[in-house]
């Protein structure tokens, strides 16, 4: 696993990643793939469900792999709709916090398993 981390770090150093600062008008950014790749979803403060029947948001259901939380904000993701089931909480202090869900033990269980989120800022 350490070898995979080194490979990932080298790849990032050579090719960069697509992470951008979280815009001031949103709470967090969610991405389809690691290192802010693939589609990007802006998450405003409040709550969002990714219902299977929703014509717009079903696309993101069980597909989030990386998240950037704006400085001063907190995002909680749930593995079920209506903010139920297992959850993870990502807090950003004085700087934006970027997380690849499968890279961190405390978040890996919800890699590609998030079905609802709550996000708030101070």
PDB file of N, CA and C in Angstrom:
ATOM      1  N   UNK A   1       0.827  -1.194   0.000  1.00  0.00           N
ATOM      2  CA  UNK A   1       0.000   0.000   0.000  1.00  0.00           C
ATOM      3  C   UNK A   1       0.869   1.255   0.000  1.00  0.00           C
ATOM      4  N   UNK A   2       1.998   1.231   0.709  1.00  0.00           N
ATOM      5  CA  UNK A   2       2.896   2.379   0.715  1.00  0.00           C
ATOM      6  C   UNK A   2       3.413   2.644  -0.697  1.00  0.00           C
ATOM      7  N   UNK A   3       3.668   1.549  -1.433  1.00  0.00           N
ATOM      8  CA  UNK A   3       4.143   1.675  -2.809  1.00  0.00           C
ATOM      9  C   UNK A   3       3.113   2.384  -3.687  1.00  0.00           C
ATOM     10  N   UNK A   4       1.835   2.051  -3.489  1.00  0.00           N
ATOM     11  CA  UNK A   4       0.765   2.703  -4.247  1.00  0.00           C
ATOM     12  C   UNK A   4       0.733   4.194  -3.935  1.00  0.00           C
ATOM     13  N   UNK A   5       0.956   4.560  -2.673  1.00  0.00           N
ATOM     14  CA  UNK A   5       0.979   5.967  -2.282  1.00  0.00           C
ATOM     15  C   UNK A   5       2.122   6.718  -2.938  1.00  0.00           C
ATOM     16  N   UNK A   6       3.296   6.071  -3.035  1.00  0.00           N
ATOM     17  CA  UNK A   6       4.449   6.676  -3.691  1.00  0.00           C
ATOM     18  C   UNK A   6       4.154   6.871  -5.179  1.00  0.00           C
ATOM     19  N   UNK A   7       3.581   5.840  -5.810  1.00  0.00           N
ATOM     20  CA  UNK A   7       3.229   5.927  -7.227  1.00  0.00           C
ATOM     21  C   UNK A   7       2.233   7.051  -7.457  1.00  0.00           C
ATOM     22  N   UNK A   8       1.222   7.134  -6.598  1.00  0.00           N
ATOM     23  CA  UNK A   8       0.221   8.193  -6.702  1.00  0.00           C
ATOM     24  C   UNK A   8       0.873   9.562  -6.541  1.00  0.00           C
ATOM     25  N   UNK A   9       1.787   9.683  -5.586  1.00  0.00           N
ATOM     26  CA  UNK A   9       2.480  10.949  -5.350  1.00  0.00           C
ATOM     27  C   UNK A   9       3.336  11.366  -6.528  1.00  0.00           C
ATOM     28  N   UNK A  10       4.022  10.397  -7.142  1.00  0.00           N
ATOM     29  CA  UNK A  10       4.852  10.677  -8.321  1.00  0.00           C
ATOM     30  C   UNK A  10       3.974  11.109  -9.482  1.00  0.00           C
ATOM     31  N   UNK A  11       2.873  10.383  -9.694  1.00  0.00           N
ATOM     32  CA  UNK A  11       1.943  10.722 -10.766  1.00  0.00           C
ATOM     33  C   UNK A  11       1.412  12.151 -10.592  1.00  0.00           C
ATOM     34  N   UNK A  12       1.054  12.482  -9.358  1.00  0.00           N
ATOM     35  CA  UNK A  12       0.519  13.810  -9.070  1.00  0.00           C
ATOM     36  C   UNK A  12       1.578  14.876  -9.325  1.00  0.00           C
ATOM     37  N   UNK A  13       2.831  14.594  -8.934  1.00  0.00           N
ATOM     38  CA  UNK A  13       3.913  15.558  -9.126  1.00  0.00           C
ATOM     39  C   UNK A  13       4.184  15.798 -10.608  1.00  0.00           C
ATOM     40  N   UNK A  14       4.087  14.747 -11.404  1.00  0.00           N
ATOM     41  CA  UNK A  14       4.367  14.859 -12.842  1.00  0.00           C
ATOM     42  C   UNK A  14       3.183  15.458 -13.601  1.00  0.00           C
ATOM     43  N   UNK A  15       1.982  14.939 -13.344  1.00  0.00           N
ATOM     44  CA  UNK A  15       0.808  15.336 -14.130  1.00  0.00           C
ATOM     45  C   UNK A  15      -0.079  16.364 -13.427  1.00  0.00           C
ATOM     46  N   UNK A  16       0.119  16.566 -12.122  1.00  0.00           N
ATOM     47  CA  UNK A  16      -0.739  17.476 -11.365  1.00  0.00           C
ATOM     48  C   UNK A  16      -2.091  16.841 -11.106  1.00  0.00           C
ATOM     49  N   UNK A  17      -2.983  17.580 -10.466  1.00  0.00           N
ATOM     50  CA  UNK A  17      -4.344  17.112 -10.302  1.00  0.00           C
ATOM     51  C   UNK A  17      -5.257  18.253 -10.717  1.00  0.00           C
ATOM     52  N   UNK A  18      -6.535  18.014 -10.708  1.00  0.00           N
ATOM     53  CA  UNK A  18      -7.477  19.016 -11.194  1.00  0.00           C
ATOM     54  C   UNK A  18      -8.168  19.770 -10.065  1.00  0.00           C
ATOM     55  N   UNK A  19      -7.630  19.668  -8.855  1.00  0.00           N
ATOM     56  CA  UNK A  19      -8.253  20.341  -7.719  1.00  0.00           C
ATOM     57  C   UNK A  19      -8.134  21.854  -7.867  1.00  0.00           C
ATOM     58  N   UNK A  20      -9.235  22.523  -7.572  1.00  0.00           N
ATOM     59  CA  UNK A  20      -9.279  23.978  -7.592  1.00  0.00           C
ATOM     60  C   UNK A  20      -9.736  24.447  -6.218  1.00  0.00           C
ATOM     61  N   UNK A  21      -9.465  25.707  -5.868  1.00  0.00           N
ATOM     62  CA  UNK A  21     -10.011  26.206  -4.602  1.00  0.00           C
ATOM     63  C   UNK A  21     -11.542  26.125  -4.630  1.00  0.00           C
ATOM     64  N   UNK A  22     -12.135  25.835  -3.485  1.00  0.00           N
ATOM     65  CA  UNK A  22     -13.600  25.764  -3.412  1.00  0.00           C
ATOM     66  C   UNK A  22     -14.146  27.194  -3.505  1.00  0.00           C
ATOM     67  N   UNK A  23     -15.039  27.464  -4.462  1.00  0.00           N
ATOM     68  CA  UNK A  23     -15.586  28.818  -4.597  1.00  0.00           C
ATOM     69  C   UNK A  23     -16.268  29.275  -3.299  1.00  0.00           C
ATOM     70  N   UNK A  24     -16.228  30.566  -3.033  1.00  0.00           N
ATOM     71  CA  UNK A  24     -16.772  31.128  -1.792  1.00  0.00           C
ATOM     72  C   UNK A  24     -18.284  30.920  -1.664  1.00  0.00           C
ATOM     73  N   UNK A  25     -18.977  30.714  -2.786  1.00  0.00           N
ATOM     74  CA  UNK A  25     -20.440  30.585  -2.737  1.00  0.00           C
ATOM     75  C   UNK A  25     -20.911  29.153  -2.533  1.00  0.00           C
ATOM     76  N   UNK A  26     -19.992  28.195  -2.382  1.00  0.00           N
ATOM     77  CA  UNK A  26     -20.392  26.810  -2.139  1.00  0.00           C
ATOM     78  C   UNK A  26     -19.693  26.278  -0.892  1.00  0.00           C
ATOM     79  N   UNK A  27     -20.223  25.205  -0.358  1.00  0.00           N
ATOM     80  CA  UNK A  27     -19.697  24.583   0.853  1.00  0.00           C
ATOM     81  C   UNK A  27     -18.591  23.575   0.521  1.00  0.00           C
ATOM     82  N   UNK A  28     -18.797  22.835  -0.564  1.00  0.00           N
ATOM     83  CA  UNK A  28     -17.830  21.795  -0.935  1.00  0.00           C
ATOM     84  C   UNK A  28     -17.967  21.452  -2.413  1.00  0.00           C
ATOM     85  N   UNK A  29     -16.950  20.777  -2.928  1.00  0.00           N
ATOM     86  CA  UNK A  29     -16.973  20.243  -4.288  1.00  0.00           C
ATOM     87  C   UNK A  29     -16.795  18.733  -4.181  1.00  0.00           C
ATOM     88  N   UNK A  30     -17.634  17.985  -4.887  1.00  0.00           N
ATOM     89  CA  UNK A  30     -17.511  16.520  -4.928  1.00  0.00           C
ATOM     90  C   UNK A  30     -17.096  16.136  -6.342  1.00  0.00           C
ATOM     91  N   UNK A  31     -16.284  15.090  -6.450  1.00  0.00           N
ATOM     92  CA  UNK A  31     -15.757  14.665  -7.747  1.00  0.00           C
ATOM     93  C   UNK A  31     -15.978  13.169  -7.973  1.00  0.00           C
ATOM     94  N   UNK A  32     -16.041  12.826  -9.242  1.00  0.00           N
ATOM     95  CA  UNK A  32     -16.234  11.457  -9.698  1.00  0.00           C
ATOM     96  C   UNK A  32     -15.021  10.573  -9.398  1.00  0.00           C
ATOM     97  N   UNK A  33     -13.831  11.126  -9.531  1.00  0.00           N
ATOM     98  CA  UNK A  33     -12.612  10.333  -9.401  1.00  0.00           C
ATOM     99  C   UNK A  33     -11.633  10.973  -8.420  1.00  0.00           C
ATOM    100  N   UNK A  34     -10.597  10.217  -8.087  1.00  0.00           N
ATOM    101  CA  UNK A  34      -9.541  10.707  -7.202  1.00  0.00           C
ATOM    102  C   UNK A  34      -8.916  11.971  -7.765  1.00  0.00           C
ATOM    103  N   UNK A  35      -8.315  12.739  -6.869  1.00  0.00           N
ATOM    104  CA  UNK A  35      -7.574  13.944  -7.247  1.00  0.00           C
ATOM    105  C   UNK A  35      -8.405  14.931  -8.059  1.00  0.00           C
ATOM    106  N   UNK A  36      -9.701  15.008  -7.737  1.00  0.00           N
ATOM    107  CA  UNK A  36     -10.606  15.994  -8.337  1.00  0.00           C
ATOM    108  C   UNK A  36     -10.797  15.789  -9.840  1.00  0.00           C
ATOM    109  N   UNK A  37     -10.727  14.572 -10.292  1.00  0.00           N
ATOM    110  CA  UNK A  37     -10.923  14.271 -11.712  1.00  0.00           C
ATOM    111  C   UNK A  37     -12.362  13.846 -11.986  1.00  0.00           C
ATOM    112  N   UNK A  38     -12.713  13.780 -13.254  1.00  0.00           N
ATOM    113  CA  UNK A  38     -14.066  13.394 -13.656  1.00  0.00           C
ATOM    114  C   UNK A  38     -15.029  14.550 -13.466  1.00  0.00           C
ATOM    115  N   UNK A  39     -16.308  14.238 -13.324  1.00  0.00           N
ATOM    116  CA  UNK A  39     -17.293  15.304 -13.134  1.00  0.00           C
ATOM    117  C   UNK A  39     -17.071  16.008 -11.803  1.00  0.00           C
ATOM    118  N   UNK A  40     -17.610  17.230 -11.697  1.00  0.00           N
ATOM    119  CA  UNK A  40     -17.516  18.034 -10.469  1.00  0.00           C
ATOM    120  C   UNK A  40     -18.924  18.477 -10.101  1.00  0.00           C
ATOM    121  N   UNK A  41     -19.275  18.344  -8.818  1.00  0.00           N
ATOM    122  CA  UNK A  41     -20.576  18.764  -8.318  1.00  0.00           C
ATOM    123  C   UNK A  41     -20.373  19.803  -7.217  1.00  0.00           C
ATOM    124  N   UNK A  42     -20.963  20.988  -7.395  1.00  0.00           N
ATOM    125  CA  UNK A  42     -20.915  22.015  -6.358  1.00  0.00           C
ATOM    126  C   UNK A  42     -22.003  21.725  -5.327  1.00  0.00           C
ATOM    127  N   UNK A  43     -21.613  21.659  -4.077  1.00  0.00           N
ATOM    128  CA  UNK A  43     -22.558  21.406  -2.983  1.00  0.00           C
ATOM    129  C   UNK A  43     -22.709  22.681  -2.163  1.00  0.00           C
ATOM    130  N   UNK A  44     -23.884  23.276  -2.207  1.00  0.00           N
ATOM    131  CA  UNK A  44     -24.153  24.474  -1.423  1.00  0.00           C
ATOM    132  C   UNK A  44     -24.423  24.077   0.017  1.00  0.00           C
ATOM    133  N   UNK A  45     -24.445  25.067   0.906  1.00  0.00           N
ATOM    134  CA  UNK A  45     -24.792  24.775   2.295  1.00  0.00           C
ATOM    135  C   UNK A  45     -26.206  24.200   2.333  1.00  0.00           C
ATOM    136  N   UNK A  46     -26.397  23.222   3.191  1.00  0.00           N
ATOM    137  CA  UNK A  46     -27.702  22.597   3.319  1.00  0.00           C
ATOM    138  C   UNK A  46     -27.613  21.098   3.124  1.00  0.00           C
ATOM    139  N   UNK A  47     -28.685  20.517   2.629  1.00  0.00           N
ATOM    140  CA  UNK A  47     -28.777  19.055   2.504  1.00  0.00           C
ATOM    141  C   UNK A  47     -29.087  18.666   1.067  1.00  0.00           C
ATOM    142  N   UNK A  48     -28.566  17.511   0.655  1.00  0.00           N
ATOM    143  CA  UNK A  48     -28.826  17.005  -0.693  1.00  0.00           C
ATOM    144  C   UNK A  48     -28.925  15.488  -0.636  1.00  0.00           C
ATOM    145  N   UNK A  49     -29.994  14.953  -1.231  1.00  0.00           N
ATOM    146  CA  UNK A  49     -30.174  13.504  -1.385  1.00  0.00           C
ATOM    147  C   UNK A  49     -29.907  13.144  -2.832  1.00  0.00           C
ATOM    148  N   UNK A  50     -29.277  12.003  -3.047  1.00  0.00           N
ATOM    149  CA  UNK A  50     -29.057  11.482  -4.393  1.00  0.00           C
ATOM    150  C   UNK A  50     -29.971  10.271  -4.592  1.00  0.00           C
ATOM    151  N   UNK A  51     -31.260  10.546  -4.757  1.00  0.00           N
ATOM    152  CA  UNK A  51     -32.238   9.471  -4.929  1.00  0.00           C
ATOM    153  C   UNK A  51     -32.047   8.774  -6.275  1.00  0.00           C
ATOM    154  N   UNK A  52     -32.319   7.480  -6.344  1.00  0.00           N
ATOM    155  CA  UNK A  52     -32.148   6.717  -7.583  1.00  0.00           C
ATOM    156  C   UNK A  52     -33.101   7.205  -8.661  1.00  0.00           C
ATOM    157  N   UNK A  53     -34.223   7.793  -8.269  1.00  0.00           N
ATOM    158  CA  UNK A  53     -35.234   8.216  -9.226  1.00  0.00           C
ATOM    159  C   UNK A  53     -35.113   9.687  -9.628  1.00  0.00           C
ATOM    160  N   UNK A  54     -34.172  10.419  -9.028  1.00  0.00           N
ATOM    161  CA  UNK A  54     -34.019  11.845  -9.326  1.00  0.00           C
ATOM    162  C   UNK A  54     -33.398  12.023 -10.709  1.00  0.00           C
ATOM    163  N   UNK A  55     -34.060  12.759 -11.613  1.00  0.00           N
ATOM    164  CA  UNK A  55     -33.558  12.868 -12.992  1.00  0.00           C
ATOM    165  C   UNK A  55     -32.228  13.612 -13.115  1.00  0.00           C
ATOM    166  N   UNK A  56     -31.853  14.383 -12.103  1.00  0.00           N
ATOM    167  CA  UNK A  56     -30.590  15.118 -12.156  1.00  0.00           C
ATOM    168  C   UNK A  56     -29.548  14.513 -11.227  1.00  0.00           C
ATOM    169  N   UNK A  57     -29.914  14.321  -9.975  1.00  0.00           N
ATOM    170  CA  UNK A  57     -28.910  13.956  -8.979  1.00  0.00           C
ATOM    171  C   UNK A  57     -28.641  12.462  -8.855  1.00  0.00           C
ATOM    172  N   UNK A  58     -29.428  11.586  -9.506  1.00  0.00           N
ATOM    173  CA  UNK A  58     -29.139  10.147  -9.431  1.00  0.00           C
ATOM    174  C   UNK A  58     -27.739   9.857  -9.968  1.00  0.00           C
ATOM    175  N   UNK A  59     -27.285  10.688 -10.878  1.00  0.00           N
ATOM    176  CA  UNK A  59     -25.974  10.530 -11.530  1.00  0.00           C
ATOM    177  C   UNK A  59     -24.847  10.443 -10.499  1.00  0.00           C
ATOM    178  N   UNK A  60     -24.982  11.153  -9.384  1.00  0.00           N
ATOM    179  CA  UNK A  60     -23.916  11.250  -8.386  1.00  0.00           C
ATOM    180  C   UNK A  60     -24.011  10.184  -7.299  1.00  0.00           C
ATOM    181  N   UNK A  61     -25.131   9.476  -7.264  1.00  0.00           N
ATOM    182  CA  UNK A  61     -25.380   8.465  -6.233  1.00  0.00           C
ATOM    183  C   UNK A  61     -24.313   7.365  -6.290  1.00  0.00           C
ATOM    184  N   UNK A  62     -23.710   7.083  -5.166  1.00  0.00           N
ATOM    185  CA  UNK A  62     -22.692   6.022  -5.058  1.00  0.00           C
ATOM    186  C   UNK A  62     -21.546   6.199  -6.053  1.00  0.00           C
ATOM    187  N   UNK A  63     -21.167   7.446  -6.346  1.00  0.00           N
ATOM    188  CA  UNK A  63     -20.119   7.658  -7.334  1.00  0.00           C
ATOM    189  C   UNK A  63     -19.068   8.680  -6.910  1.00  0.00           C
ATOM    190  N   UNK A  64     -19.157   9.240  -5.724  1.00  0.00           N
ATOM    191  CA  UNK A  64     -18.202  10.261  -5.276  1.00  0.00           C
ATOM    192  C   UNK A  64     -16.937   9.592  -4.737  1.00  0.00           C
ATOM    193  N   UNK A  65     -15.772  10.019  -5.282  1.00  0.00           N
ATOM    194  CA  UNK A  65     -14.494   9.468  -4.840  1.00  0.00           C
ATOM    195  C   UNK A  65     -13.598  10.487  -4.150  1.00  0.00           C
ATOM    196  N   UNK A  66     -13.781  11.774  -4.462  1.00  0.00           N
ATOM    197  CA  UNK A  66     -12.982  12.795  -3.782  1.00  0.00           C
ATOM    198  C   UNK A  66     -13.847  14.014  -3.485  1.00  0.00           C
ATOM    199  N   UNK A  67     -13.472  14.716  -2.415  1.00  0.00           N
ATOM    200  CA  UNK A  67     -14.247  15.860  -1.941  1.00  0.00           C
ATOM    201  C   UNK A  67     -13.285  16.952  -1.494  1.00  0.00           C
ATOM    202  N   UNK A  68     -13.611  18.190  -1.863  1.00  0.00           N
ATOM    203  CA  UNK A  68     -12.904  19.369  -1.351  1.00  0.00           C
ATOM    204  C   UNK A  68     -13.908  20.177  -0.540  1.00  0.00           C
ATOM    205  N   UNK A  69     -13.600  20.409   0.726  1.00  0.00           N
ATOM    206  CA  UNK A  69     -14.483  21.170   1.616  1.00  0.00           C
ATOM    207  C   UNK A  69     -13.873  22.557   1.814  1.00  0.00           C
ATOM    208  N   UNK A  70     -14.696  23.601   1.685  1.00  0.00           N
ATOM    209  CA  UNK A  70     -14.219  24.973   1.811  1.00  0.00           C
ATOM    210  C   UNK A  70     -13.765  25.256   3.243  1.00  0.00           C
ATOM    211  N   UNK A  71     -12.759  26.097   3.371  1.00  0.00           N
ATOM    212  CA  UNK A  71     -12.256  26.499   4.686  1.00  0.00           C
ATOM    213  C   UNK A  71     -13.411  26.964   5.562  1.00  0.00           C
ATOM    214  N   UNK A  72     -13.461  26.472   6.796  1.00  0.00           N
ATOM    215  CA  UNK A  72     -14.505  26.849   7.737  1.00  0.00           C
ATOM    216  C   UNK A  72     -15.794  26.059   7.594  1.00  0.00           C
ATOM    217  N   UNK A  73     -15.803  25.061   6.717  1.00  0.00           N
ATOM    218  CA  UNK A  73     -17.023  24.283   6.467  1.00  0.00           C
ATOM    219  C   UNK A  73     -16.855  22.835   6.903  1.00  0.00           C
ATOM    220  N   UNK A  74     -17.995  22.159   7.067  1.00  0.00           N
ATOM    221  CA  UNK A  74     -18.027  20.744   7.452  1.00  0.00           C
ATOM    222  C   UNK A  74     -19.024  20.022   6.565  1.00  0.00           C
ATOM    223  N   UNK A  75     -18.601  18.895   5.996  1.00  0.00           N
ATOM    224  CA  UNK A  75     -19.481  18.057   5.178  1.00  0.00           C
ATOM    225  C   UNK A  75     -19.627  16.705   5.841  1.00  0.00           C
ATOM    226  N   UNK A  76     -20.858  16.231   5.938  1.00  0.00           N
ATOM    227  CA  UNK A  76     -21.123  14.869   6.400  1.00  0.00           C
ATOM    228  C   UNK A  76     -21.802  14.124   5.266  1.00  0.00           C
ATOM    229  N   UNK A  77     -21.243  12.963   4.911  1.00  0.00           N
ATOM    230  CA  UNK A  77     -21.807  12.127   3.860  1.00  0.00           C
ATOM    231  C   UNK A  77     -22.360  10.847   4.470  1.00  0.00           C
ATOM    232  N   UNK A  78     -23.467  10.369   3.916  1.00  0.00           N
ATOM    233  CA  UNK A  78     -24.153   9.181   4.435  1.00  0.00           C
ATOM    234  C   UNK A  78     -24.261   8.118   3.352  1.00  0.00           C
ATOM    235  N   UNK A  79     -24.235   6.838   3.756  1.00  0.00           N
ATOM    236  CA  UNK A  79     -24.331   5.756   2.775  1.00  0.00           C
ATOM    237  C   UNK A  79     -25.778   5.358   2.496  1.00  0.00           C
ATOM    238  N   UNK A  80     -26.731   6.171   2.950  1.00  0.00           N
ATOM    239  CA  UNK A  80     -28.139   5.950   2.655  1.00  0.00           C
ATOM    240  C   UNK A  80     -28.771   7.324   2.421  1.00  0.00           C
ATOM    241  N   UNK A  81     -29.937   7.333   1.784  1.00  0.00           N
ATOM    242  CA  UNK A  81     -30.628   8.594   1.578  1.00  0.00           C
ATOM    243  C   UNK A  81     -31.249   9.061   2.891  1.00  0.00           C
ATOM    244  N   UNK A  82     -31.719  10.273   2.880  1.00  0.00           N
ATOM    245  CA  UNK A  82     -32.355  10.894   4.047  1.00  0.00           C
ATOM    246  C   UNK A  82     -31.432  10.939   5.267  1.00  0.00           C
ATOM    247  N   UNK A  83     -30.107  11.020   5.005  1.00  0.00           N
ATOM    248  CA  UNK A  83     -29.109  11.239   6.046  1.00  0.00           C
ATOM    249  C   UNK A  83     -29.110  10.128   7.083  1.00  0.00           C
ATOM    250  N   UNK A  84     -29.200   8.905   6.589  1.00  0.00           N
ATOM    251  CA  UNK A  84     -29.216   7.730   7.453  1.00  0.00           C
ATOM    252  C   UNK A  84     -28.059   6.811   7.090  1.00  0.00           C
ATOM    253  N   UNK A  85     -27.828   5.821   7.930  1.00  0.00           N
ATOM    254  CA  UNK A  85     -26.787   4.824   7.684  1.00  0.00           C
ATOM    255  C   UNK A  85     -25.437   5.299   8.192  1.00  0.00           C
ATOM    256  N   UNK A  86     -24.400   4.619   7.726  1.00  0.00           N
ATOM    257  CA  UNK A  86     -23.035   5.000   8.123  1.00  0.00           C
ATOM    258  C   UNK A  86     -22.726   6.389   7.587  1.00  0.00           C
ATOM    259  N   UNK A  87     -21.840   7.101   8.292  1.00  0.00           N
ATOM    260  CA  UNK A  87     -21.511   8.454   7.847  1.00  0.00           C
ATOM    261  C   UNK A  87     -20.033   8.757   8.045  1.00  0.00           C
ATOM    262  N   UNK A  88     -19.578   9.751   7.310  1.00  0.00           N
ATOM    263  CA  UNK A  88     -18.240  10.315   7.484  1.00  0.00           C
ATOM    264  C   UNK A  88     -18.406  11.822   7.618  1.00  0.00           C
ATOM    265  N   UNK A  89     -17.520  12.462   8.358  1.00  0.00           N
ATOM    266  CA  UNK A  89     -17.550  13.913   8.488  1.00  0.00           C
ATOM    267  C   UNK A  89     -16.169  14.454   8.149  1.00  0.00           C
ATOM    268  N   UNK A  90     -16.140  15.405   7.219  1.00  0.00           N
ATOM    269  CA  UNK A  90     -14.893  16.038   6.792  1.00  0.00           C
ATOM    270  C   UNK A  90     -14.971  17.507   7.197  1.00  0.00           C
ATOM    271  N   UNK A  91     -14.060  17.930   8.076  1.00  0.00           N
ATOM    272  CA  UNK A  91     -14.024  19.308   8.553  1.00  0.00           C
ATOM    273  C   UNK A  91     -12.810  20.026   7.957  1.00  0.00           C
ATOM    274  N   UNK A  92     -13.034  21.243   7.479  1.00  0.00           N
ATOM    275  CA  UNK A  92     -11.934  22.062   6.981  1.00  0.00           C
ATOM    276  C   UNK A  92     -11.691  23.188   7.979  1.00  0.00           C
ATOM    277  N   UNK A  93     -10.456  23.358   8.375  1.00  0.00           N
ATOM    278  CA  UNK A  93     -10.103  24.416   9.324  1.00  0.00           C
ATOM    279  C   UNK A  93      -9.952  25.750   8.614  1.00  0.00           C
ATOM    280  N   UNK A  94      -8.743  26.305   8.652  1.00  0.00           N
ATOM    281  CA  UNK A  94      -8.509  27.617   8.061  1.00  0.00           C
ATOM    282  C   UNK A  94      -8.205  27.549   6.567  1.00  0.00           C
ATOM    283  N   UNK A  95      -8.044  26.325   6.036  1.00  0.00           N
ATOM    284  CA  UNK A  95      -7.796  26.148   4.601  1.00  0.00           C
ATOM    285  C   UNK A  95      -8.740  25.092   4.049  1.00  0.00           C
ATOM    286  N   UNK A  96      -8.981  25.143   2.734  1.00  0.00           N
ATOM    287  CA  UNK A  96      -9.765  24.089   2.088  1.00  0.00           C
ATOM    288  C   UNK A  96      -9.137  22.739   2.422  1.00  0.00           C
ATOM    289  N   UNK A  97      -9.970  21.720   2.537  1.00  0.00           N
ATOM    290  CA  UNK A  97      -9.467  20.367   2.792  1.00  0.00           C
ATOM    291  C   UNK A  97      -9.878  19.463   1.645  1.00  0.00           C
ATOM    292  N   UNK A  98      -8.894  18.821   1.037  1.00  0.00           N
ATOM    293  CA  UNK A  98      -9.135  17.904  -0.075  1.00  0.00           C
ATOM    294  C   UNK A  98      -8.906  16.483   0.389  1.00  0.00           C
ATOM    295  N   UNK A  99      -9.856  15.593   0.057  1.00  0.00           N
ATOM    296  CA  UNK A  99      -9.782  14.204   0.522  1.00  0.00           C
ATOM    297  C   UNK A  99     -10.095  13.263  -0.630  1.00  0.00           C
ATOM    298  N   UNK A 100      -9.208  12.274  -0.858  1.00  0.00           N
ATOM    299  CA  UNK A 100      -9.534  11.121  -1.691  1.00  0.00           C
ATOM    300  C   UNK A 100     -10.074  10.082  -0.719  1.00  0.00           C
ATOM    301  N   UNK A 101     -11.354   9.745  -0.847  1.00  0.00           N
ATOM    302  CA  UNK A 101     -11.996   8.909   0.167  1.00  0.00           C
ATOM    303  C   UNK A 101     -11.276   7.587   0.399  1.00  0.00           C
ATOM    304  N   UNK A 102     -10.810   6.931  -0.664  1.00  0.00           N
ATOM    305  CA  UNK A 102     -10.189   5.616  -0.455  1.00  0.00           C
ATOM    306  C   UNK A 102      -8.742   5.694   0.023  1.00  0.00           C
ATOM    307  N   UNK A 103      -8.200   6.905   0.176  1.00  0.00           N
ATOM    308  CA  UNK A 103      -6.829   7.059   0.672  1.00  0.00           C
ATOM    309  C   UNK A 103      -6.757   7.172   2.190  1.00  0.00           C
ATOM    310  N   UNK A 104      -7.891   7.370   2.849  1.00  0.00           N
ATOM    311  CA  UNK A 104      -7.869   7.582   4.300  1.00  0.00           C
ATOM    312  C   UNK A 104      -8.784   6.582   4.992  1.00  0.00           C
ATOM    313  N   UNK A 105      -8.246   5.903   6.004  1.00  0.00           N
ATOM    314  CA  UNK A 105      -8.986   4.862   6.709  1.00  0.00           C
ATOM    315  C   UNK A 105     -10.348   5.328   7.215  1.00  0.00           C
ATOM    316  N   UNK A 106     -10.416   6.552   7.728  1.00  0.00           N
ATOM    317  CA  UNK A 106     -11.675   7.019   8.312  1.00  0.00           C
ATOM    318  C   UNK A 106     -12.749   7.326   7.263  1.00  0.00           C
ATOM    319  N   UNK A 107     -12.371   7.422   5.991  1.00  0.00           N
ATOM    320  CA  UNK A 107     -13.325   7.771   4.938  1.00  0.00           C
ATOM    321  C   UNK A 107     -13.536   6.666   3.900  1.00  0.00           C
ATOM    322  N   UNK A 108     -12.651   5.675   3.840  1.00  0.00           N
ATOM    323  CA  UNK A 108     -12.666   4.706   2.742  1.00  0.00           C
ATOM    324  C   UNK A 108     -13.945   3.879   2.640  1.00  0.00           C
ATOM    325  N   UNK A 109     -14.641   3.672   3.755  1.00  0.00           N
ATOM    326  CA  UNK A 109     -15.866   2.865   3.703  1.00  0.00           C
ATOM    327  C   UNK A 109     -16.969   3.528   2.880  1.00  0.00           C
ATOM    328  N   UNK A 110     -16.895   4.842   2.681  1.00  0.00           N
ATOM    329  CA  UNK A 110     -17.926   5.527   1.901  1.00  0.00           C
ATOM    330  C   UNK A 110     -17.436   5.934   0.504  1.00  0.00           C
ATOM    331  N   UNK A 111     -16.258   5.433   0.098  1.00  0.00           N
ATOM    332  CA  UNK A 111     -15.781   5.675  -1.262  1.00  0.00           C
ATOM    333  C   UNK A 111     -16.789   5.076  -2.247  1.00  0.00           C
ATOM    334  N   UNK A 112     -17.349   5.904  -3.104  1.00  0.00           N
ATOM    335  CA  UNK A 112     -18.373   5.505  -4.080  1.00  0.00           C
ATOM    336  C   UNK A 112     -19.621   4.911  -3.419  1.00  0.00           C
ATOM    337  N   UNK A 113     -19.944   5.379  -2.201  1.00  0.00           N
ATOM    338  CA  UNK A 113     -21.130   4.866  -1.506  1.00  0.00           C
ATOM    339  C   UNK A 113     -21.988   5.976  -0.902  1.00  0.00           C
ATOM    340  N   UNK A 114     -21.717   7.234  -1.222  1.00  0.00           N
ATOM    341  CA  UNK A 114     -22.474   8.341  -0.630  1.00  0.00           C
ATOM    342  C   UNK A 114     -23.803   8.529  -1.348  1.00  0.00           C
ATOM    343  N   UNK A 115     -24.904   8.565  -0.562  1.00  0.00           N
ATOM    344  CA  UNK A 115     -26.243   8.749  -1.125  1.00  0.00           C
ATOM    345  C   UNK A 115     -26.927  10.018  -0.624  1.00  0.00           C
ATOM    346  N   UNK A 116     -26.348  10.685   0.372  1.00  0.00           N
ATOM    347  CA  UNK A 116     -26.898  11.965   0.830  1.00  0.00           C
ATOM    348  C   UNK A 116     -25.795  12.719   1.577  1.00  0.00           C
ATOM    349  N   UNK A 117     -25.882  14.057   1.576  1.00  0.00           N
ATOM    350  CA  UNK A 117     -24.884  14.882   2.249  1.00  0.00           C
ATOM    351  C   UNK A 117     -25.551  16.043   2.980  1.00  0.00           C
ATOM    352  N   UNK A 118     -24.875  16.486   4.026  1.00  0.00           N
ATOM    353  CA  UNK A 118     -25.211  17.725   4.733  1.00  0.00           C
ATOM    354  C   UNK A 118     -23.932  18.540   4.784  1.00  0.00           C
ATOM    355  N   UNK A 119     -24.043  19.840   4.490  1.00  0.00           N
ATOM    356  CA  UNK A 119     -22.853  20.692   4.487  1.00  0.00           C
ATOM    357  C   UNK A 119     -23.197  22.034   5.127  1.00  0.00           C
ATOM    358  N   UNK A 120     -22.314  22.502   6.001  1.00  0.00           N
ATOM    359  CA  UNK A 120     -22.550  23.787   6.667  1.00  0.00           C
ATOM    360  C   UNK A 120     -21.215  24.501   6.852  1.00  0.00           C
ATOM    361  N   UNK A 121     -21.298  25.836   6.948  1.00  0.00           N
ATOM    362  CA  UNK A 121     -20.112  26.663   7.139  1.00  0.00           C
ATOM    363  C   UNK A 121     -20.311  27.601   8.313  1.00  0.00           C
ATOM    364  N   UNK A 122     -19.222  27.953   8.958  1.00  0.00           N
ATOM    365  CA  UNK A 122     -19.289  28.892  10.079  1.00  0.00           C
ATOM    366  C   UNK A 122     -19.564  30.285   9.560  1.00  0.00           C
TER     367      UNK A 122
END
